[in-house]
Amino acid sequence: MLMKKKIRLLTLSLALVGVSALIGCGNDNGDSGDDDVGDGCTIEANFASIHADLLSTMTCASNICHGPPANQGGLDFTAGAAAVHGMLVGAPSVYTQATHDIRIVAGTSSASWFFVKIADPLAPGGRIPSGGALSQCDIDRIDAWIEAGASM
């Protein structure tokens, strides 16, 4: 009899932990300003945060990638947010092996060469950044930003 009570108590405790976890995870579109892009990754999927956290950093804007003097693909990620946005959104890809003509197609990440290059490990010329793939969270937030219209 005592064993049955312990099992019931354990089952109830586990159920409460599970319900608490479900309630506490994700984003219910409250007023936090962050977007839950899935997999528990809550971030700001906007250009300002993507530029500040990724594009303008040494991850992308180094002197051997998209910073001077290399400026691979004609991209200078040290040029400031508005200039970088203009170089990406709606701009033609200059890479000869590109499978897509436009770097970022607002509203459609799957048609965007930039997104293919960061998300697909089999992208022609290899995945970027060359020093190692972005985290899935960063890929998801870029995807969410593009899908939402890739606004400045």
Protein backbone atom coordinates (compact mmCIF):
# COMPACT_ATOMS: atom_id res chain seq x y z
CA MET A 1 0.00 0.00 0.00
CA LEU A 2 2.80 2.41 0.87
CA MET A 3 4.54 1.60 -2.43
CA LYS A 4 1.40 2.53 -4.42
CA LYS A 5 1.23 5.90 -2.65
CA LYS A 6 4.88 6.58 -3.43
CA ILE A 7 4.32 5.70 -7.10
CA ARG A 8 1.26 7.97 -7.29
CA LEU A 9 3.15 10.80 -5.62
CA LEU A 10 6.08 10.35 -7.99
CA THR A 11 3.76 10.26 -11.02
CA LEU A 12 1.96 13.41 -9.87
CA SER A 13 5.27 15.19 -9.25
CA LEU A 14 6.54 14.30 -12.71
CA ALA A 15 3.30 15.46 -14.28
CA LEU A 16 3.54 18.82 -12.49
CA VAL A 17 7.15 19.26 -13.59
CA GLY A 18 6.13 18.53 -17.19
CA VAL A 19 3.26 21.01 -17.12
CA SER A 20 5.51 23.65 -15.55
CA ALA A 21 8.10 23.13 -18.25
CA LEU A 22 5.51 23.52 -20.99
CA ILE A 23 4.14 26.69 -19.47
CA GLY A 24 7.57 28.20 -18.92
CA CYS A 25 9.02 27.48 -22.37
CA GLY A 26 8.53 29.30 -25.63
CA ASN A 27 6.87 32.59 -26.36
CA ASP A 28 3.16 33.18 -26.10
CA ASN A 29 3.43 36.40 -28.11
CA GLY A 30 3.57 38.41 -24.91
CA ASP A 31 5.26 41.76 -24.74
CA SER A 32 8.87 40.59 -24.43
CA GLY A 33 9.78 41.79 -27.94
CA ASP A 34 11.61 38.54 -28.65
CA ASP A 35 10.59 35.95 -31.21
CA ASP A 36 10.51 32.26 -30.39
CA VAL A 37 11.88 30.72 -33.55
CA GLY A 38 11.48 27.17 -32.29
CA ASP A 39 13.60 24.71 -30.36
CA GLY A 40 13.45 26.96 -27.28
CA CYS A 41 15.59 29.61 -28.97
CA THR A 42 14.20 32.99 -28.01
CA ILE A 43 15.92 35.84 -29.80
CA GLU A 44 15.32 39.12 -31.54
CA ALA A 45 14.79 38.33 -35.22
CA ASN A 46 15.45 41.81 -36.58
CA PHE A 47 18.20 43.31 -38.69
CA ALA A 48 19.57 45.54 -35.93
CA SER A 49 20.30 42.56 -33.67
CA ILE A 50 21.56 40.36 -36.52
CA HIS A 51 23.89 43.12 -37.70
CA ALA A 52 25.15 43.92 -34.20
CA ASP A 53 25.54 40.31 -33.03
CA LEU A 54 26.84 38.67 -36.20
CA LEU A 55 27.44 40.63 -39.38
CA SER A 56 29.50 43.50 -37.93
CA THR A 57 31.58 41.21 -35.69
CA MET A 58 34.77 39.35 -36.46
CA THR A 59 32.58 36.35 -37.30
CA CYS A 60 31.71 38.00 -40.63
CA ALA A 61 33.49 41.36 -40.90
CA SER A 62 37.06 40.11 -40.54
CA ASN A 63 39.81 41.19 -42.92
CA ILE A 64 39.72 37.77 -44.63
CA CYS A 65 35.95 37.60 -45.16
CA HIS A 66 33.53 40.52 -45.51
CA GLY A 67 35.73 43.28 -44.16
CA PRO A 68 38.53 45.23 -45.82
CA PRO A 69 40.67 44.37 -47.64
CA ALA A 70 39.04 41.05 -48.65
CA ASN A 71 35.39 42.17 -48.95
CA GLN A 72 34.52 38.76 -50.38
CA GLY A 73 31.61 38.83 -52.80
CA GLY A 74 31.81 42.61 -52.84
CA LEU A 75 30.43 42.73 -49.29
CA ASP A 76 31.86 45.12 -46.70
CA PHE A 77 30.15 44.35 -43.40
CA THR A 78 32.09 47.17 -41.70
CA ALA A 79 30.17 49.76 -43.76
CA GLY A 80 27.35 50.32 -41.27
CA ALA A 81 23.91 48.75 -40.87
CA ALA A 82 22.06 50.62 -43.63
CA ALA A 83 24.80 49.97 -46.19
CA VAL A 84 25.05 46.29 -45.25
CA HIS A 85 21.27 45.89 -45.47
CA GLY A 86 21.40 47.42 -48.95
CA MET A 87 24.19 45.05 -49.99
CA LEU A 88 22.10 42.04 -48.96
CA VAL A 89 18.36 42.56 -49.38
CA GLY A 90 17.25 42.47 -52.99
CA ALA A 91 20.84 42.62 -54.22
CA PRO A 92 22.12 40.26 -56.91
CA SER A 93 24.56 37.55 -55.96
CA VAL A 94 27.94 37.95 -57.63
CA TYR A 95 29.13 34.45 -56.76
CA THR A 96 29.52 32.41 -59.96
CA GLN A 97 28.40 29.15 -58.31
CA ALA A 98 25.32 30.71 -56.72
CA THR A 99 22.22 28.57 -56.98
CA HIS A 100 20.05 31.66 -56.40
CA ASP A 101 20.29 35.04 -58.16
CA ILE A 102 19.45 37.29 -55.20
CA ARG A 103 21.37 37.44 -51.91
CA ILE A 104 18.25 37.92 -49.77
CA VAL A 105 14.72 37.69 -51.14
CA ALA A 106 12.52 39.47 -48.58
CA GLY A 107 9.88 37.04 -47.34
CA THR A 108 11.50 33.88 -48.74
CA SER A 109 14.62 32.53 -47.07
CA SER A 110 14.65 29.40 -49.26
CA ALA A 111 15.10 31.63 -52.36
CA SER A 112 17.91 33.63 -50.73
CA TRP A 113 21.52 32.80 -51.63
CA PHE A 114 22.74 34.24 -48.30
CA PHE A 115 20.45 31.90 -46.37
CA VAL A 116 21.52 28.88 -48.46
CA LYS A 117 25.15 29.70 -47.67
CA ILE A 118 24.59 29.86 -43.89
CA ALA A 119 22.10 27.00 -43.59
CA ASP A 120 23.05 24.32 -46.13
CA PRO A 121 26.21 22.33 -45.36
CA LEU A 122 26.27 21.28 -49.03
CA ALA A 123 26.07 24.81 -50.45
CA PRO A 124 28.35 25.37 -53.46
CA GLY A 125 31.66 26.77 -52.23
CA GLY A 126 30.91 25.59 -48.70
CA ARG A 127 28.91 26.85 -45.79
CA ILE A 128 29.67 30.24 -44.24
CA PRO A 129 31.15 31.45 -42.05
CA SER A 130 34.22 29.50 -43.06
CA GLY A 131 35.50 29.29 -39.47
CA GLY A 132 32.52 27.17 -38.43
CA ALA A 133 28.77 27.07 -38.86
CA LEU A 134 26.51 29.53 -37.10
CA SER A 135 24.49 28.15 -34.21
CA GLN A 136 21.06 26.79 -35.10
CA CYS A 137 19.62 29.64 -33.03
CA ASP A 138 21.38 32.24 -35.23
CA ILE A 139 20.31 30.43 -38.41
CA ASP A 140 16.73 30.35 -37.14
CA ARG A 141 16.71 34.03 -36.30
CA ILE A 142 18.05 34.99 -39.74
CA ASP A 143 15.40 32.72 -41.27
CA ALA A 144 12.67 34.37 -39.17
CA TRP A 145 13.90 37.87 -40.12
CA ILE A 146 13.94 37.04 -43.86
CA GLU A 147 10.54 35.33 -43.70
CA ALA A 148 9.10 38.38 -41.90
CA GLY A 149 10.16 40.62 -44.80
CA ALA A 150 13.86 41.35 -44.10
CA SER A 151 13.13 44.92 -43.07
CA MET A 152 15.78 47.33 -41.87
